[in-house]
Amino acid sequence: MRVRRRVAIALWATCAFVTWNVLFDRHVANAAMEFTRDQVVRYQQGMATASIDVEFSPRVREAAWLAWLWTTPIFLAGVLSIYFSFRRLE
């Protein structure tokens, strides 16, 4: 029974990990396109371009935060469902 529980938790953890990676990658890709577009507009207007640390790094942090906001409930739902389903079987 313990092996099944561990396998089930590992599968939910894998699902959460994949979800985090997909969401993070998508948000970072969107942030990169927005950053690039903003830099092109600034360059065309003759303005100084912004530093990647100032403009892009906060967007990456936000992407990580948004990915965690979705991943945490998925993992918690999985662990709780495993806990209650295996509790009935014992």
PDB file of N, CA and C in Angstrom:
ATOM      1  N   MET A   1       0.822  -1.189   0.000  1.00  0.00           N
ATOM      2  CA  MET A   1       0.000   0.000   0.000  1.00  0.00           C
ATOM      3  C   MET A   1       0.871   1.259   0.000  1.00  0.00           C
ATOM      4  N   ARG A   2       1.987   1.218   0.707  1.00  0.00           N
ATOM      5  CA  ARG A   2       2.874   2.388   0.753  1.00  0.00           C
ATOM      6  C   ARG A   2       3.472   2.695  -0.615  1.00  0.00           C
ATOM      7  N   VAL A   3       3.790   1.639  -1.354  1.00  0.00           N
ATOM      8  CA  VAL A   3       4.377   1.846  -2.677  1.00  0.00           C
ATOM      9  C   VAL A   3       3.365   2.537  -3.588  1.00  0.00           C
ATOM     10  N   ARG A   4       2.117   2.103  -3.530  1.00  0.00           N
ATOM     11  CA  ARG A   4       1.081   2.725  -4.354  1.00  0.00           C
ATOM     12  C   ARG A   4       0.894   4.197  -3.981  1.00  0.00           C
ATOM     13  N   ARG A   5       0.923   4.474  -2.699  1.00  0.00           N
ATOM     14  CA  ARG A   5       0.764   5.855  -2.246  1.00  0.00           C
ATOM     15  C   ARG A   5       1.926   6.716  -2.748  1.00  0.00           C
ATOM     16  N   ARG A   6       3.128   6.189  -2.657  1.00  0.00           N
ATOM     17  CA  ARG A   6       4.298   6.945  -3.123  1.00  0.00           C
ATOM     18  C   ARG A   6       4.266   7.166  -4.630  1.00  0.00           C
ATOM     19  N   VAL A   7       3.830   6.162  -5.358  1.00  0.00           N
ATOM     20  CA  VAL A   7       3.723   6.300  -6.813  1.00  0.00           C
ATOM     21  C   VAL A   7       2.670   7.350  -7.156  1.00  0.00           C
ATOM     22  N   ALA A   8       1.548   7.325  -6.459  1.00  0.00           N
ATOM     23  CA  ALA A   8       0.489   8.296  -6.709  1.00  0.00           C
ATOM     24  C   ALA A   8       0.971   9.724  -6.403  1.00  0.00           C
ATOM     25  N   ILE A   9       1.676   9.887  -5.302  1.00  0.00           N
ATOM     26  CA  ILE A   9       2.211  11.210  -4.963  1.00  0.00           C
ATOM     27  C   ILE A   9       3.239  11.645  -5.994  1.00  0.00           C
ATOM     28  N   ALA A  10       4.070  10.728  -6.438  1.00  0.00           N
ATOM     29  CA  ALA A  10       5.067  11.054  -7.463  1.00  0.00           C
ATOM     30  C   ALA A  10       4.398  11.479  -8.768  1.00  0.00           C
ATOM     31  N   LEU A  11       3.293  10.830  -9.119  1.00  0.00           N
ATOM     32  CA  LEU A  11       2.584  11.215 -10.342  1.00  0.00           C
ATOM     33  C   LEU A  11       1.960  12.606 -10.216  1.00  0.00           C
ATOM     34  N   TRP A  12       1.389  12.915  -9.054  1.00  0.00           N
ATOM     35  CA  TRP A  12       0.837  14.253  -8.844  1.00  0.00           C
ATOM     36  C   TRP A  12       1.949  15.295  -8.820  1.00  0.00           C
ATOM     37  N   ALA A  13       3.073  14.965  -8.222  1.00  0.00           N
ATOM     38  CA  ALA A  13       4.203  15.896  -8.198  1.00  0.00           C
ATOM     39  C   ALA A  13       4.718  16.136  -9.618  1.00  0.00           C
ATOM     40  N   THR A  14       4.749  15.095 -10.417  1.00  0.00           N
ATOM     41  CA  THR A  14       5.172  15.237 -11.811  1.00  0.00           C
ATOM     42  C   THR A  14       4.192  16.117 -12.581  1.00  0.00           C
ATOM     43  N   CYS A  15       2.909  15.913 -12.350  1.00  0.00           N
ATOM     44  CA  CYS A  15       1.895  16.747 -12.990  1.00  0.00           C
ATOM     45  C   CYS A  15       2.076  18.213 -12.596  1.00  0.00           C
ATOM     46  N   ALA A  16       2.312  18.463 -11.316  1.00  0.00           N
ATOM     47  CA  ALA A  16       2.515  19.828 -10.838  1.00  0.00           C
ATOM     48  C   ALA A  16       3.789  20.427 -11.434  1.00  0.00           C
ATOM     49  N   PHE A  17       4.838  19.634 -11.513  1.00  0.00           N
ATOM     50  CA  PHE A  17       6.107  20.101 -12.078  1.00  0.00           C
ATOM     51  C   PHE A  17       5.956  20.466 -13.546  1.00  0.00           C
ATOM     52  N   VAL A  18       5.280  19.622 -14.306  1.00  0.00           N
ATOM     53  CA  VAL A  18       5.065  19.900 -15.727  1.00  0.00           C
ATOM     54  C   VAL A  18       4.199  21.148 -15.893  1.00  0.00           C
ATOM     55  N   THR A  19       3.168  21.262 -15.068  1.00  0.00           N
ATOM     56  CA  THR A  19       2.306  22.446 -15.119  1.00  0.00           C
ATOM     57  C   THR A  19       3.112  23.710 -14.837  1.00  0.00           C
ATOM     58  N   TRP A  20       3.954  23.658 -13.807  1.00  0.00           N
ATOM     59  CA  TRP A  20       4.768  24.820 -13.477  1.00  0.00           C
ATOM     60  C   TRP A  20       5.675  25.204 -14.646  1.00  0.00           C
ATOM     61  N   ASN A  21       6.323  24.204 -15.238  1.00  0.00           N
ATOM     62  CA  ASN A  21       7.240  24.484 -16.343  1.00  0.00           C
ATOM     63  C   ASN A  21       6.530  25.077 -17.548  1.00  0.00           C
ATOM     64  N   VAL A  22       5.364  24.542 -17.884  1.00  0.00           N
ATOM     65  CA  VAL A  22       4.629  25.047 -19.047  1.00  0.00           C
ATOM     66  C   VAL A  22       4.171  26.479 -18.801  1.00  0.00           C
ATOM     67  N   LEU A  23       3.594  26.729 -17.631  1.00  0.00           N
ATOM     68  CA  LEU A  23       3.116  28.076 -17.325  1.00  0.00           C
ATOM     69  C   LEU A  23       4.262  29.076 -17.238  1.00  0.00           C
ATOM     70  N   PHE A  24       5.337  28.700 -16.573  1.00  0.00           N
ATOM     71  CA  PHE A  24       6.483  29.591 -16.451  1.00  0.00           C
ATOM     72  C   PHE A  24       7.062  29.916 -17.823  1.00  0.00           C
ATOM     73  N   ASP A  25       7.222  28.900 -18.646  1.00  0.00           N
ATOM     74  CA  ASP A  25       7.781  29.110 -19.979  1.00  0.00           C
ATOM     75  C   ASP A  25       6.894  30.033 -20.808  1.00  0.00           C
ATOM     76  N   ARG A  26       5.592  29.825 -20.727  1.00  0.00           N
ATOM     77  CA  ARG A  26       4.678  30.648 -21.507  1.00  0.00           C
ATOM     78  C   ARG A  26       4.702  32.109 -21.045  1.00  0.00           C
ATOM     79  N   HIS A  27       4.702  32.315 -19.736  1.00  0.00           N
ATOM     80  CA  HIS A  27       4.736  33.682 -19.215  1.00  0.00           C
ATOM     81  C   HIS A  27       6.065  34.377 -19.527  1.00  0.00           C
ATOM     82  N   VAL A  28       7.156  33.642 -19.454  1.00  0.00           N
ATOM     83  CA  VAL A  28       8.462  34.229 -19.784  1.00  0.00           C
ATOM     84  C   VAL A  28       8.538  34.554 -21.278  1.00  0.00           C
ATOM     85  N   ALA A  29       7.987  33.688 -22.108  1.00  0.00           N
ATOM     86  CA  ALA A  29       7.982  33.961 -23.549  1.00  0.00           C
ATOM     87  C   ALA A  29       7.168  35.216 -23.854  1.00  0.00           C
ATOM     88  N   ASN A  30       6.015  35.350 -23.217  1.00  0.00           N
ATOM     89  CA  ASN A  30       5.209  36.564 -23.407  1.00  0.00           C
ATOM     90  C   ASN A  30       5.954  37.798 -22.903  1.00  0.00           C
ATOM     91  N   ALA A  31       6.595  37.678 -21.751  1.00  0.00           N
ATOM     92  CA  ALA A  31       7.348  38.798 -21.196  1.00  0.00           C
ATOM     93  C   ALA A  31       8.507  39.180 -22.115  1.00  0.00           C
ATOM     94  N   ALA A  32       9.159  38.206 -22.703  1.00  0.00           N
ATOM     95  CA  ALA A  32      10.275  38.488 -23.612  1.00  0.00           C
ATOM     96  C   ALA A  32       9.787  39.222 -24.853  1.00  0.00           C
ATOM     97  N   MET A  33       8.636  38.815 -25.378  1.00  0.00           N
ATOM     98  CA  MET A  33       8.099  39.499 -26.554  1.00  0.00           C
ATOM     99  C   MET A  33       7.696  40.934 -26.211  1.00  0.00           C
ATOM    100  N   GLU A  34       7.075  41.122 -25.053  1.00  0.00           N
ATOM    101  CA  GLU A  34       6.706  42.481 -24.630  1.00  0.00           C
ATOM    102  C   GLU A  34       7.943  43.345 -24.403  1.00  0.00           C
ATOM    103  N   PHE A  35       8.953  42.772 -23.765  1.00  0.00           N
ATOM    104  CA  PHE A  35      10.195  43.511 -23.514  1.00  0.00           C
ATOM    105  C   PHE A  35      10.859  43.910 -24.825  1.00  0.00           C
ATOM    106  N   THR A  36      10.921  42.986 -25.755  1.00  0.00           N
ATOM    107  CA  THR A  36      11.534  43.263 -27.042  1.00  0.00           C
ATOM    108  C   THR A  36      10.757  44.338 -27.792  1.00  0.00           C
ATOM    109  N   ARG A  37       9.438  44.227 -27.778  1.00  0.00           N
ATOM    110  CA  ARG A  37       8.599  45.226 -28.445  1.00  0.00           C
ATOM    111  C   ARG A  37       8.808  46.607 -27.817  1.00  0.00           C
ATOM    112  N   ASP A  38       8.853  46.654 -26.495  1.00  0.00           N
ATOM    113  CA  ASP A  38       9.081  47.937 -25.814  1.00  0.00           C
ATOM    114  C   ASP A  38      10.440  48.530 -26.170  1.00  0.00           C
ATOM    115  N   GLN A  39      11.453  47.686 -26.266  1.00  0.00           N
ATOM    116  CA  GLN A  39      12.797  48.173 -26.610  1.00  0.00           C
ATOM    117  C   GLN A  39      12.852  48.705 -28.031  1.00  0.00           C
ATOM    118  N   VAL A  40      12.164  48.041 -28.954  1.00  0.00           N
ATOM    119  CA  VAL A  40      12.128  48.504 -30.346  1.00  0.00           C
ATOM    120  C   VAL A  40      11.432  49.860 -30.424  1.00  0.00           C
ATOM    121  N   VAL A  41      10.330  50.012 -29.710  1.00  0.00           N
ATOM    122  CA  VAL A  41       9.611  51.286 -29.716  1.00  0.00           C
ATOM    123  C   VAL A  41      10.485  52.388 -29.130  1.00  0.00           C
ATOM    124  N   ARG A  42      11.166  52.110 -28.041  1.00  0.00           N
ATOM    125  CA  ARG A  42      12.058  53.111 -27.445  1.00  0.00           C
ATOM    126  C   ARG A  42      13.181  53.491 -28.407  1.00  0.00           C
ATOM    127  N   TYR A  43      13.744  52.510 -29.061  1.00  0.00           N
ATOM    128  CA  TYR A  43      14.829  52.778 -30.010  1.00  0.00           C
ATOM    129  C   TYR A  43      14.331  53.623 -31.173  1.00  0.00           C
ATOM    130  N   GLN A  44      13.144  53.295 -31.689  1.00  0.00           N
ATOM    131  CA  GLN A  44      12.597  54.039 -32.819  1.00  0.00           C
ATOM    132  C   GLN A  44      12.255  55.474 -32.437  1.00  0.00           C
ATOM    133  N   GLN A  45      11.894  55.694 -31.183  1.00  0.00           N
ATOM    134  CA  GLN A  45      11.564  57.038 -30.735  1.00  0.00           C
ATOM    135  C   GLN A  45      12.799  57.816 -30.282  1.00  0.00           C
ATOM    136  N   GLY A  46      13.951  57.193 -30.358  1.00  0.00           N
ATOM    137  CA  GLY A  46      15.191  57.854 -29.984  1.00  0.00           C
ATOM    138  C   GLY A  46      15.434  57.905 -28.487  1.00  0.00           C
ATOM    139  N   MET A  47      14.684  57.142 -27.747  1.00  0.00           N
ATOM    140  CA  MET A  47      14.843  57.086 -26.292  1.00  0.00           C
ATOM    141  C   MET A  47      15.907  56.046 -25.939  1.00  0.00           C
ATOM    142  N   ALA A  48      16.424  56.170 -24.740  1.00  0.00           N
ATOM    143  CA  ALA A  48      17.394  55.177 -24.267  1.00  0.00           C
ATOM    144  C   ALA A  48      16.667  53.866 -23.964  1.00  0.00           C
ATOM    145  N   THR A  49      17.312  52.771 -24.323  1.00  0.00           N
ATOM    146  CA  THR A  49      16.701  51.481 -24.031  1.00  0.00           C
ATOM    147  C   THR A  49      16.901  51.140 -22.563  1.00  0.00           C
ATOM    148  N   ALA A  50      15.988  50.342 -22.030  1.00  0.00           N
ATOM    149  CA  ALA A  50      16.020  49.989 -20.616  1.00  0.00           C
ATOM    150  C   ALA A  50      16.929  48.788 -20.390  1.00  0.00           C
ATOM    151  N   SER A  51      17.430  48.709 -19.193  1.00  0.00           N
ATOM    152  CA  SER A  51      18.268  47.584 -18.805  1.00  0.00           C
ATOM    153  C   SER A  51      17.416  46.327 -18.644  1.00  0.00           C
ATOM    154  N   ILE A  52      17.995  45.198 -18.982  1.00  0.00           N
ATOM    155  CA  ILE A  52      17.263  43.942 -18.832  1.00  0.00           C
ATOM    156  C   ILE A  52      16.983  43.649 -17.354  1.00  0.00           C
ATOM    157  N   ASP A  53      17.878  44.082 -16.467  1.00  0.00           N
ATOM    158  CA  ASP A  53      17.652  43.875 -15.041  1.00  0.00           C
ATOM    159  C   ASP A  53      16.482  44.699 -14.527  1.00  0.00           C
ATOM    160  N   VAL A  54      16.317  45.877 -15.077  1.00  0.00           N
ATOM    161  CA  VAL A  54      15.252  46.768 -14.607  1.00  0.00           C
ATOM    162  C   VAL A  54      13.894  46.371 -15.176  1.00  0.00           C
ATOM    163  N   GLU A  55      13.844  46.022 -16.439  1.00  0.00           N
ATOM    164  CA  GLU A  55      12.566  45.771 -17.108  1.00  0.00           C
ATOM    165  C   GLU A  55      12.172  44.301 -17.200  1.00  0.00           C
ATOM    166  N   PHE A  56      13.112  43.421 -17.454  1.00  0.00           N
ATOM    167  CA  PHE A  56      12.760  42.026 -17.726  1.00  0.00           C
ATOM    168  C   PHE A  56      12.761  41.158 -16.471  1.00  0.00           C
ATOM    169  N   SER A  57      13.677  41.374 -15.568  1.00  0.00           N
ATOM    170  CA  SER A  57      13.763  40.542 -14.367  1.00  0.00           C
ATOM    171  C   SER A  57      12.493  40.544 -13.525  1.00  0.00           C
ATOM    172  N   PRO A  58      11.846  41.696 -13.318  1.00  0.00           N
ATOM    173  CA  PRO A  58      10.578  41.661 -12.579  1.00  0.00           C
ATOM    174  C   PRO A  58       9.501  40.837 -13.281  1.00  0.00           C
ATOM    175  N   ARG A  59       9.530  40.824 -14.590  1.00  0.00           N
ATOM    176  CA  ARG A  59       8.551  40.019 -15.341  1.00  0.00           C
ATOM    177  C   ARG A  59       8.811  38.532 -15.168  1.00  0.00           C
ATOM    178  N   VAL A  60      10.062  38.161 -15.061  1.00  0.00           N
ATOM    179  CA  VAL A  60      10.399  36.750 -14.828  1.00  0.00           C
ATOM    180  C   VAL A  60       9.964  36.339 -13.425  1.00  0.00           C
ATOM    181  N   ARG A  61      10.185  37.217 -12.443  1.00  0.00           N
ATOM    182  CA  ARG A  61       9.719  36.921 -11.078  1.00  0.00           C
ATOM    183  C   ARG A  61       8.201  36.769 -11.047  1.00  0.00           C
ATOM    184  N   GLU A  62       7.513  37.638 -11.765  1.00  0.00           N
ATOM    185  CA  GLU A  62       6.050  37.541 -11.828  1.00  0.00           C
ATOM    186  C   GLU A  62       5.616  36.243 -12.498  1.00  0.00           C
ATOM    187  N   ALA A  63       6.337  35.829 -13.521  1.00  0.00           N
ATOM    188  CA  ALA A  63       6.021  34.565 -14.194  1.00  0.00           C
ATOM    189  C   ALA A  63       6.179  33.390 -13.241  1.00  0.00           C
ATOM    190  N   ALA A  64       7.233  33.400 -12.447  1.00  0.00           N
ATOM    191  CA  ALA A  64       7.431  32.325 -11.469  1.00  0.00           C
ATOM    192  C   ALA A  64       6.320  32.330 -10.430  1.00  0.00           C
ATOM    193  N   TRP A  65       5.939  33.515  -9.971  1.00  0.00           N
ATOM    194  CA  TRP A  65       4.871  33.626  -8.974  1.00  0.00           C
ATOM    195  C   TRP A  65       3.538  33.120  -9.538  1.00  0.00           C
ATOM    196  N   LEU A  66       3.197  33.505 -10.761  1.00  0.00           N
ATOM    197  CA  LEU A  66       1.950  33.049 -11.371  1.00  0.00           C
ATOM    198  C   LEU A  66       1.945  31.537 -11.588  1.00  0.00           C
ATOM    199  N   ALA A  67       3.087  30.987 -11.961  1.00  0.00           N
ATOM    200  CA  ALA A  67       3.175  29.535 -12.132  1.00  0.00           C
ATOM    201  C   ALA A  67       2.962  28.818 -10.805  1.00  0.00           C
ATOM    202  N   TRP A  68       3.530  29.355  -9.725  1.00  0.00           N
ATOM    203  CA  TRP A  68       3.329  28.756  -8.403  1.00  0.00           C
ATOM    204  C   TRP A  68       1.880  28.860  -7.958  1.00  0.00           C
ATOM    205  N   LEU A  69       1.217  29.950  -8.306  1.00  0.00           N
ATOM    206  CA  LEU A  69      -0.185  30.108  -7.921  1.00  0.00           C
ATOM    207  C   LEU A  69      -1.073  29.019  -8.520  1.00  0.00           C
ATOM    208  N   TRP A  70      -0.734  28.558  -9.696  1.00  0.00           N
ATOM    209  CA  TRP A  70      -1.500  27.476 -10.317  1.00  0.00           C
ATOM    210  C   TRP A  70      -1.021  26.094  -9.877  1.00  0.00           C
ATOM    211  N   THR A  71       0.251  25.949  -9.656  1.00  0.00           N
ATOM    212  CA  THR A  71       0.815  24.641  -9.345  1.00  0.00           C
ATOM    213  C   THR A  71       0.489  24.180  -7.931  1.00  0.00           C
ATOM    214  N   THR A  72       0.520  25.088  -6.986  1.00  0.00           N
ATOM    215  CA  THR A  72       0.285  24.719  -5.585  1.00  0.00           C
ATOM    216  C   THR A  72      -1.078  24.074  -5.374  1.00  0.00           C
ATOM    217  N   PRO A  73      -2.181  24.648  -5.875  1.00  0.00           N
ATOM    218  CA  PRO A  73      -3.473  23.971  -5.682  1.00  0.00           C
ATOM    219  C   PRO A  73      -3.551  22.607  -6.364  1.00  0.00           C
ATOM    220  N   ILE A  74      -2.899  22.474  -7.506  1.00  0.00           N
ATOM    221  CA  ILE A  74      -2.903  21.180  -8.191  1.00  0.00           C
ATOM    222  C   ILE A  74      -2.227  20.124  -7.326  1.00  0.00           C
ATOM    223  N   PHE A  75      -1.061  20.461  -6.793  1.00  0.00           N
ATOM    224  CA  PHE A  75      -0.337  19.499  -5.967  1.00  0.00           C
ATOM    225  C   PHE A  75      -1.089  19.206  -4.673  1.00  0.00           C
ATOM    226  N   LEU A  76      -1.623  20.237  -4.039  1.00  0.00           N
ATOM    227  CA  LEU A  76      -2.368  20.029  -2.800  1.00  0.00           C
ATOM    228  C   LEU A  76      -3.621  19.194  -3.022  1.00  0.00           C
ATOM    229  N   ALA A  77      -4.322  19.443  -4.118  1.00  0.00           N
ATOM    230  CA  ALA A  77      -5.504  18.631  -4.436  1.00  0.00           C
ATOM    231  C   ALA A  77      -5.118  17.169  -4.634  1.00  0.00           C
ATOM    232  N   GLY A  78      -4.013  16.938  -5.289  1.00  0.00           N
ATOM    233  CA  GLY A  78      -3.552  15.568  -5.488  1.00  0.00           C
ATOM    234  C   GLY A  78      -3.187  14.883  -4.189  1.00  0.00           C
ATOM    235  N   VAL A  79      -2.429  15.569  -3.351  1.00  0.00           N
ATOM    236  CA  VAL A  79      -2.010  14.972  -2.080  1.00  0.00           C
ATOM    237  C   VAL A  79      -3.218  14.711  -1.187  1.00  0.00           C
ATOM    238  N   LEU A  80      -4.139  15.658  -1.134  1.00  0.00           N
ATOM    239  CA  LEU A  80      -5.328  15.458  -0.306  1.00  0.00           C
ATOM    240  C   LEU A  80      -6.205  14.328  -0.834  1.00  0.00           C
ATOM    241  N   SER A  81      -6.354  14.239  -2.134  1.00  0.00           N
ATOM    242  CA  SER A  81      -7.155  13.139  -2.686  1.00  0.00           C
ATOM    243  C   SER A  81      -6.496  11.794  -2.424  1.00  0.00           C
ATOM    244  N   ILE A  82      -5.191  11.743  -2.499  1.00  0.00           N
ATOM    245  CA  ILE A  82      -4.477  10.500  -2.191  1.00  0.00           C
ATOM    246  C   ILE A  82      -4.643  10.154  -0.719  1.00  0.00           C
ATOM    247  N   TYR A  83      -4.500  11.153   0.135  1.00  0.00           N
ATOM    248  CA  TYR A  83      -4.625  10.915   1.568  1.00  0.00           C
ATOM    249  C   TYR A  83      -5.992  10.336   1.910  1.00  0.00           C
ATOM    250  N   PHE A  84      -7.043  10.964   1.404  1.00  0.00           N
ATOM    251  CA  PHE A  84      -8.391  10.503   1.754  1.00  0.00           C
ATOM    252  C   PHE A  84      -8.764   9.196   1.054  1.00  0.00           C
ATOM    253  N   SER A  85      -8.287   8.981  -0.153  1.00  0.00           N
ATOM    254  CA  SER A  85      -8.633   7.723  -0.838  1.00  0.00           C
ATOM    255  C   SER A  85      -7.886   6.538  -0.230  1.00  0.00           C
ATOM    256  N   PHE A  86      -6.635   6.694   0.130  1.00  0.00           N
ATOM    257  CA  PHE A  86      -5.900   5.599   0.725  1.00  0.00           C
ATOM    258  C   PHE A  86      -6.301   5.391   2.184  1.00  0.00           C
ATOM    259  N   ARG A  87      -6.796   6.410   2.809  1.00  0.00           N
ATOM    260  CA  ARG A  87      -7.253   6.295   4.178  1.00  0.00           C
ATOM    261  C   ARG A  87      -8.470   5.377   4.254  1.00  0.00           C
ATOM    262  N   ARG A  88      -9.336   5.424   3.251  1.00  0.00           N
ATOM    263  CA  ARG A  88     -10.510   4.554   3.210  1.00  0.00           C
ATOM    264  C   ARG A  88     -10.129   3.097   2.969  1.00  0.00           C
ATOM    265  N   LEU A  89      -9.041   2.891   2.217  1.00  0.00           N
ATOM    266  CA  LEU A  89      -8.635   1.527   1.884  1.00  0.00           C
ATOM    267  C   LEU A  89      -7.977   0.791   3.042  1.00  0.00           C
ATOM    268  N   GLU A  90      -7.445   1.541   3.982  1.00  0.00           N
ATOM    269  CA  GLU A  90      -6.728   0.900   5.088  1.00  0.00           C
ATOM    270  C   GLU A  90      -7.660   0.372   6.128  1.00  0.00           C
TER     271      GLU A  90
END
